[in-house]
PDB file of N, CA and C in Angstrom:
ATOM      1  N   MET A   1      30.881   8.452 127.747  1.00  0.00           N
ATOM      2  CA  MET A   1      29.454   8.317 127.508  1.00  0.00           C
ATOM      3  C   MET A   1      29.055   9.305 126.413  1.00  0.00           C
ATOM      4  N   ASN A   2      28.361   8.800 125.403  1.00  0.00           N
ATOM      5  CA  ASN A   2      27.874   9.630 124.308  1.00  0.00           C
ATOM      6  C   ASN A   2      26.453   9.236 123.953  1.00  0.00           C
ATOM      7  N   ARG A   3      25.799  10.094 123.178  1.00  0.00           N
ATOM      8  CA  ARG A   3      24.446   9.827 122.694  1.00  0.00           C
ATOM      9  C   ARG A   3      24.394  10.251 121.231  1.00  0.00           C
ATOM     10  N   TYR A   4      23.731   9.422 120.421  1.00  0.00           N
ATOM     11  CA  TYR A   4      23.597   9.711 118.998  1.00  0.00           C
ATOM     12  C   TYR A   4      22.143   9.613 118.565  1.00  0.00           C
ATOM     13  N   TYR A   5      21.784  10.514 117.659  1.00  0.00           N
ATOM     14  CA  TYR A   5      20.514  10.424 116.935  1.00  0.00           C
ATOM     15  C   TYR A   5      20.860   9.763 115.606  1.00  0.00           C
ATOM     16  N   ILE A   6      20.136   8.698 115.255  1.00  0.00           N
ATOM     17  CA  ILE A   6      20.447   7.904 114.064  1.00  0.00           C
ATOM     18  C   ILE A   6      19.187   7.714 113.236  1.00  0.00           C
ATOM     19  N   VAL A   7      19.319   7.866 111.929  1.00  0.00           N
ATOM     20  CA  VAL A   7      18.236   7.561 110.992  1.00  0.00           C
ATOM     21  C   VAL A   7      18.734   6.450 110.077  1.00  0.00           C
ATOM     22  N   VAL A   8      17.903   5.412 109.925  1.00  0.00           N
ATOM     23  CA  VAL A   8      18.288   4.236 109.148  1.00  0.00           C
ATOM     24  C   VAL A   8      17.338   4.093 107.964  1.00  0.00           C
ATOM     25  N   GLU A   9      17.924   3.902 106.789  1.00  0.00           N
ATOM     26  CA  GLU A   9      17.172   3.752 105.545  1.00  0.00           C
ATOM     27  C   GLU A   9      17.428   2.360 104.982  1.00  0.00           C
ATOM     28  N   GLY A  10      16.405   1.760 104.377  1.00  0.00           N
ATOM     29  CA  GLY A  10      16.530   0.433 103.781  1.00  0.00           C
ATOM     30  C   GLY A  10      15.263  -0.366 104.025  1.00  0.00           C
ATOM     31  N   ARG A  11      15.397  -1.685 104.087  1.00  0.00           N
ATOM     32  CA  ARG A  11      14.249  -2.537 104.432  1.00  0.00           C
ATOM     33  C   ARG A  11      14.265  -2.674 105.955  1.00  0.00           C
ATOM     34  N   VAL A  12      13.654  -1.676 106.618  1.00  0.00           N
ATOM     35  CA  VAL A  12      13.738  -1.585 108.078  1.00  0.00           C
ATOM     36  C   VAL A  12      12.367  -1.460 108.752  1.00  0.00           C
ATOM     37  N   GLN A  13      11.298  -1.510 107.985  1.00  0.00           N
ATOM     38  CA  GLN A  13       9.960  -1.498 108.577  1.00  0.00           C
ATOM     39  C   GLN A  13       9.234  -2.773 108.180  1.00  0.00           C
ATOM     40  N   GLY A  14       8.492  -3.330 109.131  1.00  0.00           N
ATOM     41  CA  GLY A  14       7.751  -4.560 108.876  1.00  0.00           C
ATOM     42  C   GLY A  14       8.613  -5.812 108.885  1.00  0.00           C
ATOM     43  N   VAL A  15       9.837  -5.691 109.374  1.00  0.00           N
ATOM     44  CA  VAL A  15      10.771  -6.828 109.386  1.00  0.00           C
ATOM     45  C   VAL A  15      11.372  -7.079 110.772  1.00  0.00           C
ATOM     46  N   GLY A  16      10.823  -6.438 111.804  1.00  0.00           N
ATOM     47  CA  GLY A  16      11.320  -6.631 113.163  1.00  0.00           C
ATOM     48  C   GLY A  16      12.551  -5.822 113.509  1.00  0.00           C
ATOM     49  N   PHE A  17      12.794  -4.736 112.776  1.00  0.00           N
ATOM     50  CA  PHE A  17      14.005  -3.948 113.007  1.00  0.00           C
ATOM     51  C   PHE A  17      14.014  -3.286 114.384  1.00  0.00           C
ATOM     52  N   ARG A  18      12.884  -2.744 114.824  1.00  0.00           N
ATOM     53  CA  ARG A  18      12.842  -2.102 116.144  1.00  0.00           C
ATOM     54  C   ARG A  18      13.158  -3.115 117.243  1.00  0.00           C
ATOM     55  N   PHE A  19      12.573  -4.296 117.143  1.00  0.00           N
ATOM     56  CA  PHE A  19      12.846  -5.363 118.119  1.00  0.00           C
ATOM     57  C   PHE A  19      14.325  -5.761 118.060  1.00  0.00           C
ATOM     58  N   PHE A  20      14.866  -5.878 116.841  1.00  0.00           N
ATOM     59  CA  PHE A  20      16.278  -6.214 116.651  1.00  0.00           C
ATOM     60  C   PHE A  20      17.172  -5.173 117.330  1.00  0.00           C
ATOM     61  N   CYS A  21      16.840  -3.894 117.168  1.00  0.00           N
ATOM     62  CA  CYS A  21      17.608  -2.826 117.820  1.00  0.00           C
ATOM     63  C   CYS A  21      17.537  -2.955 119.334  1.00  0.00           C
ATOM     64  N   SER A  22      16.345  -3.195 119.843  1.00  0.00           N
ATOM     65  CA  SER A  22      16.151  -3.325 121.279  1.00  0.00           C
ATOM     66  C   SER A  22      16.941  -4.509 121.841  1.00  0.00           C
ATOM     67  N   MET A  23      16.871  -5.643 121.170  1.00  0.00           N
ATOM     68  CA  MET A  23      17.579  -6.838 121.631  1.00  0.00           C
ATOM     69  C   MET A  23      19.094  -6.690 121.490  1.00  0.00           C
ATOM     70  N   THR A  24      19.542  -5.859 120.558  1.00  0.00           N
ATOM     71  CA  THR A  24      20.971  -5.595 120.392  1.00  0.00           C
ATOM     72  C   THR A  24      21.467  -4.621 121.455  1.00  0.00           C
ATOM     73  N   ALA A  25      20.667  -3.618 121.786  1.00  0.00           N
ATOM     74  CA  ALA A  25      21.074  -2.569 122.724  1.00  0.00           C
ATOM     75  C   ALA A  25      21.151  -3.055 124.167  1.00  0.00           C
ATOM     76  N   LYS A  26      20.197  -3.866 124.575  1.00  0.00           N
ATOM     77  CA  LYS A  26      20.101  -4.222 125.997  1.00  0.00           C
ATOM     78  C   LYS A  26      21.330  -4.949 126.534  1.00  0.00           C
ATOM     79  N   PRO A  27      21.869  -5.978 125.864  1.00  0.00           N
ATOM     80  CA  PRO A  27      23.067  -6.636 126.418  1.00  0.00           C
ATOM     81  C   PRO A  27      24.310  -5.745 126.408  1.00  0.00           C
ATOM     82  N   LEU A  28      24.276  -4.678 125.607  1.00  0.00           N
ATOM     83  CA  LEU A  28      25.402  -3.745 125.555  1.00  0.00           C
ATOM     84  C   LEU A  28      25.249  -2.616 126.573  1.00  0.00           C
ATOM     85  N   ASP A  29      24.198  -2.694 127.397  1.00  0.00           N
ATOM     86  CA  ASP A  29      23.905  -1.659 128.403  1.00  0.00           C
ATOM     87  C   ASP A  29      23.714  -0.283 127.781  1.00  0.00           C
ATOM     88  N   LEU A  30      23.064  -0.252 126.621  1.00  0.00           N
ATOM     89  CA  LEU A  30      22.747   1.005 125.959  1.00  0.00           C
ATOM     90  C   LEU A  30      21.327   1.420 126.313  1.00  0.00           C
ATOM     91  N   THR A  31      21.100   2.718 126.345  1.00  0.00           N
ATOM     92  CA  THR A  31      19.763   3.246 126.582  1.00  0.00           C
ATOM     93  C   THR A  31      19.338   4.053 125.369  1.00  0.00           C
ATOM     94  N   GLY A  32      18.048   4.387 125.319  1.00  0.00           N
ATOM     95  CA  GLY A  32      17.531   5.194 124.226  1.00  0.00           C
ATOM     96  C   GLY A  32      16.189   4.688 123.763  1.00  0.00           C
ATOM     97  N   TRP A  33      15.903   4.889 122.483  1.00  0.00           N
ATOM     98  CA  TRP A  33      14.623   4.483 121.912  1.00  0.00           C
ATOM     99  C   TRP A  33      14.751   4.310 120.405  1.00  0.00           C
ATOM    100  N   VAL A  34      13.753   3.644 119.820  1.00  0.00           N
ATOM    101  CA  VAL A  34      13.695   3.432 118.372  1.00  0.00           C
ATOM    102  C   VAL A  34      12.238   3.520 117.938  1.00  0.00           C
ATOM    103  N   ARG A  35      11.977   4.124 116.758  1.00  0.00           N
ATOM    104  CA  ARG A  35      10.606   4.188 116.242  1.00  0.00           C
ATOM    105  C   ARG A  35      10.607   4.338 114.723  1.00  0.00           C
ATOM    106  N   ASN A  36       9.511   3.873 114.115  1.00  0.00           N
ATOM    107  CA  ASN A  36       9.314   4.019 112.680  1.00  0.00           C
ATOM    108  C   ASN A  36       8.979   5.464 112.344  1.00  0.00           C
ATOM    109  N   MET A  37       9.402   5.883 111.145  1.00  0.00           N
ATOM    110  CA  MET A  37       9.045   7.199 110.628  1.00  0.00           C
ATOM    111  C   MET A  37       8.008   7.010 109.519  1.00  0.00           C
ATOM    112  N   ASP A  38       7.260   8.046 109.222  1.00  0.00           N
ATOM    113  CA  ASP A  38       6.228   7.972 108.190  1.00  0.00           C
ATOM    114  C   ASP A  38       6.802   7.755 106.790  1.00  0.00           C
ATOM    115  N   ASN A  39       8.067   8.078 106.577  1.00  0.00           N
ATOM    116  CA  ASN A  39       8.681   7.974 105.250  1.00  0.00           C
ATOM    117  C   ASN A  39       9.326   6.612 104.979  1.00  0.00           C
ATOM    118  N   GLY A  40       9.104   5.634 105.867  1.00  0.00           N
ATOM    119  CA  GLY A  40       9.658   4.296 105.670  1.00  0.00           C
ATOM    120  C   GLY A  40      11.001   4.065 106.331  1.00  0.00           C
ATOM    121  N   MET A  41      11.594   5.114 106.876  1.00  0.00           N
ATOM    122  CA  MET A  41      12.859   4.977 107.595  1.00  0.00           C
ATOM    123  C   MET A  41      12.577   4.730 109.072  1.00  0.00           C
ATOM    124  N   VAL A  42      13.627   4.479 109.822  1.00  0.00           N
ATOM    125  CA  VAL A  42      13.532   4.305 111.272  1.00  0.00           C
ATOM    126  C   VAL A  42      14.491   5.298 111.916  1.00  0.00           C
ATOM    127  N   GLU A  43      14.033   5.934 113.002  1.00  0.00           N
ATOM    128  CA  GLU A  43      14.906   6.836 113.754  1.00  0.00           C
ATOM    129  C   GLU A  43      15.114   6.265 115.143  1.00  0.00           C
ATOM    130  N   LEU A  44      16.267   6.576 115.711  1.00  0.00           N
ATOM    131  CA  LEU A  44      16.555   6.104 117.058  1.00  0.00           C
ATOM    132  C   LEU A  44      17.552   7.028 117.727  1.00  0.00           C
ATOM    133  N   GLU A  45      17.562   6.954 119.041  1.00  0.00           N
ATOM    134  CA  GLU A  45      18.600   7.588 119.843  1.00  0.00           C
ATOM    135  C   GLU A  45      19.218   6.494 120.693  1.00  0.00           C
ATOM    136  N   VAL A  46      20.521   6.519 120.788  1.00  0.00           N
ATOM    137  CA  VAL A  46      21.230   5.492 121.557  1.00  0.00           C
ATOM    138  C   VAL A  46      22.303   6.178 122.397  1.00  0.00           C
ATOM    139  N   GLN A  47      22.436   5.720 123.645  1.00  0.00           N
ATOM    140  CA  GLN A  47      23.362   6.326 124.594  1.00  0.00           C
ATOM    141  C   GLN A  47      24.133   5.246 125.338  1.00  0.00           C
ATOM    142  N   GLY A  48      25.427   5.486 125.500  1.00  0.00           N
ATOM    143  CA  GLY A  48      26.263   4.550 126.239  1.00  0.00           C
ATOM    144  C   GLY A  48      27.726   4.789 125.938  1.00  0.00           C
ATOM    145  N   SER A  49      28.540   3.793 126.231  1.00  0.00           N
ATOM    146  CA  SER A  49      29.979   3.911 125.982  1.00  0.00           C
ATOM    147  C   SER A  49      30.248   3.906 124.477  1.00  0.00           C
ATOM    148  N   ASP A  50      31.339   4.547 124.088  1.00  0.00           N
ATOM    149  CA  ASP A  50      31.704   4.587 122.666  1.00  0.00           C
ATOM    150  C   ASP A  50      31.841   3.184 122.091  1.00  0.00           C
ATOM    151  N   GLU A  51      32.483   2.296 122.840  1.00  0.00           N
ATOM    152  CA  GLU A  51      32.702   0.929 122.368  1.00  0.00           C
ATOM    153  C   GLU A  51      31.375   0.203 122.143  1.00  0.00           C
ATOM    154  N   SER A  52      30.443   0.343 123.072  1.00  0.00           N
ATOM    155  CA  SER A  52      29.141  -0.318 122.936  1.00  0.00           C
ATOM    156  C   SER A  52      28.330   0.264 121.784  1.00  0.00           C
ATOM    157  N   ILE A  53      28.384   1.579 121.622  1.00  0.00           N
ATOM    158  CA  ILE A  53      27.650   2.213 120.519  1.00  0.00           C
ATOM    159  C   ILE A  53      28.219   1.756 119.182  1.00  0.00           C
ATOM    160  N   GLU A  54      29.539   1.683 119.064  1.00  0.00           N
ATOM    161  CA  GLU A  54      30.155   1.216 117.819  1.00  0.00           C
ATOM    162  C   GLU A  54      29.736  -0.215 117.506  1.00  0.00           C
ATOM    163  N   LYS A  55      29.714  -1.081 118.514  1.00  0.00           N
ATOM    164  CA  LYS A  55      29.292  -2.468 118.307  1.00  0.00           C
ATOM    165  C   LYS A  55      27.817  -2.524 117.912  1.00  0.00           C
ATOM    166  N   PHE A  56      26.982  -1.719 118.549  1.00  0.00           N
ATOM    167  CA  PHE A  56      25.557  -1.643 118.219  1.00  0.00           C
ATOM    168  C   PHE A  56      25.370  -1.249 116.747  1.00  0.00           C
ATOM    169  N   ILE A  57      26.063  -0.207 116.314  1.00  0.00           N
ATOM    170  CA  ILE A  57      25.928   0.269 114.932  1.00  0.00           C
ATOM    171  C   ILE A  57      26.414  -0.791 113.946  1.00  0.00           C
ATOM    172  N   ARG A  58      27.537  -1.427 114.222  1.00  0.00           N
ATOM    173  CA  ARG A  58      28.028  -2.501 113.343  1.00  0.00           C
ATOM    174  C   ARG A  58      26.995  -3.613 113.225  1.00  0.00           C
ATOM    175  N   THR A  59      26.387  -3.991 114.345  1.00  0.00           N
ATOM    176  CA  THR A  59      25.418  -5.086 114.354  1.00  0.00           C
ATOM    177  C   THR A  59      24.154  -4.726 113.587  1.00  0.00           C
ATOM    178  N   ILE A  60      23.612  -3.524 113.800  1.00  0.00           N
ATOM    179  CA  ILE A  60      22.372  -3.188 113.086  1.00  0.00           C
ATOM    180  C   ILE A  60      22.631  -2.964 111.597  1.00  0.00           C
ATOM    181  N   LYS A  61      23.844  -2.521 111.241  1.00  0.00           N
ATOM    182  CA  LYS A  61      24.172  -2.392 109.814  1.00  0.00           C
ATOM    183  C   LYS A  61      24.179  -3.753 109.126  1.00  0.00           C
ATOM    184  N   LYS A  62      24.665  -4.780 109.823  1.00  0.00           N
ATOM    185  CA  LYS A  62      24.657  -6.138 109.267  1.00  0.00           C
ATOM    186  C   LYS A  62      23.246  -6.662 109.133  1.00  0.00           C
ATOM    187  N   GLY A  63      22.391  -6.314 110.102  1.00  0.00           N
ATOM    188  CA  GLY A  63      21.013  -6.784 110.084  1.00  0.00           C
ATOM    189  C   GLY A  63      20.925  -8.289 110.229  1.00  0.00           C
ATOM    190  N   ASN A  64      19.901  -8.847 109.577  1.00  0.00           N
ATOM    191  CA  ASN A  64      19.723 -10.295 109.531  1.00  0.00           C
ATOM    192  C   ASN A  64      19.131 -10.635 108.167  1.00  0.00           C
ATOM    193  N   ARG A  65      18.586 -11.807 108.005  1.00  0.00           N
ATOM    194  CA  ARG A  65      18.104 -12.182 106.667  1.00  0.00           C
ATOM    195  C   ARG A  65      16.873 -11.396 106.235  1.00  0.00           C
ATOM    196  N   PHE A  66      16.209 -10.701 107.154  1.00  0.00           N
ATOM    197  CA  PHE A  66      15.029  -9.904 106.811  1.00  0.00           C
ATOM    198  C   PHE A  66      15.358  -8.420 106.681  1.00  0.00           C
ATOM    199  N   ILE A  67      16.292  -7.956 107.470  1.00  0.00           N
ATOM    200  CA  ILE A  67      16.642  -6.536 107.546  1.00  0.00           C
ATOM    201  C   ILE A  67      17.754  -6.219 106.550  1.00  0.00           C
ATOM    202  N   ARG A  68      17.598  -5.066 105.873  1.00  0.00           N
ATOM    203  CA  ARG A  68      18.674  -4.583 104.995  1.00  0.00           C
ATOM    204  C   ARG A  68      18.858  -3.084 105.249  1.00  0.00           C
ATOM    205  N   VAL A  69      20.014  -2.694 105.698  1.00  0.00           N
ATOM    206  CA  VAL A  69      20.328  -1.288 105.936  1.00  0.00           C
ATOM    207  C   VAL A  69      21.091  -0.765 104.729  1.00  0.00           C
ATOM    208  N   ASP A  70      20.493   0.227 104.047  1.00  0.00           N
ATOM    209  CA  ASP A  70      21.148   0.846 102.891  1.00  0.00           C
ATOM    210  C   ASP A  70      21.974   2.063 103.302  1.00  0.00           C
ATOM    211  N   GLU A  71      21.435   2.877 104.187  1.00  0.00           N
ATOM    212  CA  GLU A  71      22.130   4.082 104.659  1.00  0.00           C
ATOM    213  C   GLU A  71      21.875   4.252 106.146  1.00  0.00           C
ATOM    214  N   LEU A  72      22.855   4.790 106.837  1.00  0.00           N
ATOM    215  CA  LEU A  72      22.717   5.083 108.255  1.00  0.00           C
ATOM    216  C   LEU A  72      23.350   6.448 108.496  1.00  0.00           C
ATOM    217  N   TYR A  73      22.537   7.373 108.969  1.00  0.00           N
ATOM    218  CA  TYR A  73      23.001   8.731 109.254  1.00  0.00           C
ATOM    219  C   TYR A  73      23.034   8.907 110.763  1.00  0.00           C
ATOM    220  N   GLN A  74      24.101   9.489 111.284  1.00  0.00           N
ATOM    221  CA  GLN A  74      24.185   9.668 112.730  1.00  0.00           C
ATOM    222  C   GLN A  74      24.708  11.047 113.078  1.00  0.00           C
ATOM    223  N   LYS A  75      24.222  11.555 114.217  1.00  0.00           N
ATOM    224  CA  LYS A  75      24.623  12.868 114.708  1.00  0.00           C
ATOM    225  C   LYS A  75      24.747  12.796 116.224  1.00  0.00           C
ATOM    226  N   LYS A  76      25.852  13.281 116.744  1.00  0.00           N
ATOM    227  CA  LYS A  76      26.059  13.305 118.197  1.00  0.00           C
ATOM    228  C   LYS A  76      25.131  14.353 118.810  1.00  0.00           C
ATOM    229  N   ILE A  77      24.453  13.970 119.895  1.00  0.00           N
ATOM    230  CA  ILE A  77      23.525  14.867 120.583  1.00  0.00           C
ATOM    231  C   ILE A  77      23.819  14.821 122.086  1.00  0.00           C
ATOM    232  N   PRO A  78      23.252  15.763 122.856  1.00  0.00           N
ATOM    233  CA  PRO A  78      23.499  15.770 124.303  1.00  0.00           C
ATOM    234  C   PRO A  78      22.954  14.512 124.989  1.00  0.00           C
ATOM    235  N   ILE A  79      23.684  14.049 125.999  1.00  0.00           N
ATOM    236  CA  ILE A  79      23.230  12.867 126.735  1.00  0.00           C
ATOM    237  C   ILE A  79      22.025  13.230 127.600  1.00  0.00           C
ATOM    238  N   ILE A  80      21.241  12.205 127.941  1.00  0.00           N
ATOM    239  CA  ILE A  80      20.101  12.364 128.840  1.00  0.00           C
ATOM    240  C   ILE A  80      20.464  11.681 130.155  1.00  0.00           C
ATOM    241  N   GLN A  81      20.546  12.466 131.198  1.00  0.00           N
ATOM    242  CA  GLN A  81      20.886  11.934 132.520  1.00  0.00           C
ATOM    243  C   GLN A  81      19.771  11.023 133.027  1.00  0.00           C
ATOM    244  N   ASN A  82      20.133  10.001 133.737  1.00  0.00           N
ATOM    245  CA  ASN A  82      19.200   9.096 134.422  1.00  0.00           C
ATOM    246  C   ASN A  82      18.314   8.274 133.495  1.00  0.00           C
ATOM    247  N   GLU A  83      18.627   8.191 132.220  1.00  0.00           N
ATOM    248  CA  GLU A  83      17.878   7.295 131.332  1.00  0.00           C
ATOM    249  C   GLU A  83      18.326   5.870 131.654  1.00  0.00           C
ATOM    250  N   ARG A  84      17.378   4.948 131.760  1.00  0.00           N
ATOM    251  CA  ARG A  84      17.716   3.612 132.245  1.00  0.00           C
ATOM    252  C   ARG A  84      17.441   2.476 131.266  1.00  0.00           C
ATOM    253  N   THR A  85      16.645   2.710 130.233  1.00  0.00           N
ATOM    254  CA  THR A  85      16.243   1.609 129.357  1.00  0.00           C
ATOM    255  C   THR A  85      16.342   2.002 127.890  1.00  0.00           C
ATOM    256  N   PHE A  86      16.242   0.988 127.039  1.00  0.00           N
ATOM    257  CA  PHE A  86      16.107   1.183 125.598  1.00  0.00           C
ATOM    258  C   PHE A  86      14.703   0.704 125.245  1.00  0.00           C
ATOM    259  N   THR A  87      13.904   1.560 124.620  1.00  0.00           N
ATOM    260  CA  THR A  87      12.500   1.236 124.378  1.00  0.00           C
ATOM    261  C   THR A  87      12.135   1.344 122.902  1.00  0.00           C
ATOM    262  N   GLU A  88      11.107   0.602 122.537  1.00  0.00           N
ATOM    263  CA  GLU A  88      10.509   0.706 121.214  1.00  0.00           C
ATOM    264  C   GLU A  88       9.333   1.661 121.323  1.00  0.00           C
ATOM    265  N   ARG A  89       9.346   2.697 120.503  1.00  0.00           N
ATOM    266  CA  ARG A  89       8.255   3.676 120.514  1.00  0.00           C
ATOM    267  C   ARG A  89       7.360   3.450 119.311  1.00  0.00           C
ATOM    268  N   TYR A  90       6.104   3.854 119.480  1.00  0.00           N
ATOM    269  CA  TYR A  90       5.113   3.683 118.403  1.00  0.00           C
ATOM    270  C   TYR A  90       4.446   4.995 118.085  1.00  0.00           C
TER     271      TYR A  90
END
C-alpha cells in the first residue's frame, strides 16, 4: 500500500479531468482526492496497491479526446489510515 501526491499539467481543467480521475480510481479500489489548482494544473492524492496506482497513472496520462497530459509530477507521501473513498474536491 502506497500513497502519492501528484500534480498534472496540460489540458486538464474544464474537460472533465477530475471526473475522469474519479471514475478511473474507483474500479481500481483506490482512495484519495483530486482538485483544480489556481495555476491551471490539477493536484491529487491517490492511495492503494502499487499495481493499481501504476494502472491509474497510465490511464490518466493517456486521457481521452478532451484531456491532454503534458507533465505529471509525483511524490510518495505517508498513507492515510481508514480512508475509504476517492473524491473530487472544489
